[in-house]
Protein backbone atom coordinates (compact mmCIF):
# COMPACT_ATOMS: atom_id res chain seq x y z
CA UNK A 1 34.77 -7.63 21.30
CA UNK A 2 34.76 -5.42 18.19
CA UNK A 3 33.98 -8.27 15.72
CA UNK A 4 31.08 -9.41 17.92
CA UNK A 5 29.68 -5.87 17.99
CA UNK A 6 30.03 -5.59 14.20
CA UNK A 7 28.21 -8.91 13.73
CA UNK A 8 25.44 -7.78 16.07
CA UNK A 9 25.11 -4.50 14.18
CA UNK A 10 24.92 -6.36 10.85
CA UNK A 11 22.24 -8.70 12.25
CA UNK A 12 20.25 -5.75 13.57
CA UNK A 13 20.55 -3.94 10.23
CA UNK A 14 19.42 -7.05 8.32
CA UNK A 15 16.52 -7.62 10.72
CA UNK A 16 15.52 -3.95 10.44
CA UNK A 17 15.67 -4.11 6.64
CA UNK A 18 13.53 -7.26 6.66
CA UNK A 19 10.94 -5.62 8.91
CA UNK A 20 10.91 -2.50 6.72
CA UNK A 21 10.39 -4.63 3.60
CA UNK A 22 7.57 -6.55 5.30
CA UNK A 23 5.92 -3.29 6.37
CA UNK A 24 6.27 -1.90 2.84
CA UNK A 25 4.71 -5.07 1.39
CA UNK A 26 1.83 -4.84 3.89
CA UNK A 27 1.22 -1.20 2.94
CA UNK A 28 1.32 -2.02 -0.79
CA UNK A 29 -1.07 -4.95 -0.34
CA UNK A 30 -3.45 -2.83 1.75
CA UNK A 31 -3.47 -0.05 -0.87
CA UNK A 32 -4.04 -2.59 -3.65
CA UNK A 33 -6.95 -4.15 -1.74
CA UNK A 34 -8.53 -0.73 -1.14
CA UNK A 35 -8.12 0.20 -4.81
CA UNK A 36 -9.68 -3.11 -5.94
CA UNK A 37 -12.59 -2.68 -3.52
CA UNK A 38 -13.13 0.88 -4.76
CA UNK A 39 -13.22 -0.29 -8.39
CA UNK A 40 -15.54 -3.19 -7.57
CA UNK A 41 -17.93 -1.18 -5.40
CA UNK A 42 -18.03 1.80 -7.78
CA UNK A 43 -21.22 1.68 -9.87
CA UNK A 44 -19.99 1.56 -13.46
CA UNK A 45 -23.40 0.79 -15.01
CA UNK A 46 -25.27 4.13 -15.20
CA UNK A 47 -23.50 6.82 -17.22
CA UNK A 48 -25.70 9.63 -15.89
CA UNK A 49 -23.88 9.79 -12.53
CA UNK A 50 -20.93 11.61 -14.12
CA UNK A 51 -22.93 14.06 -16.22
CA UNK A 52 -25.45 14.90 -13.51
CA UNK A 53 -23.58 18.11 -12.55
CA UNK A 54 -23.78 19.44 -16.11
CA UNK A 55 -27.32 20.32 -16.55
CA UNK A 56 -28.53 22.05 -19.68
CA UNK A 57 -31.58 23.70 -18.11
């Protein structure tokens, strides 16, 4: 009985590790997609958007 329980525990650990890795990959891909969308949607043309707060008066 003990060897069977050990094998089941190993299988569960491997399955859990696989699921964790898949979840981590999904999180990384989601963050990368959001970062890419932010860079693409950010208006990089006009330079005045950054210096608008500083106003000489």
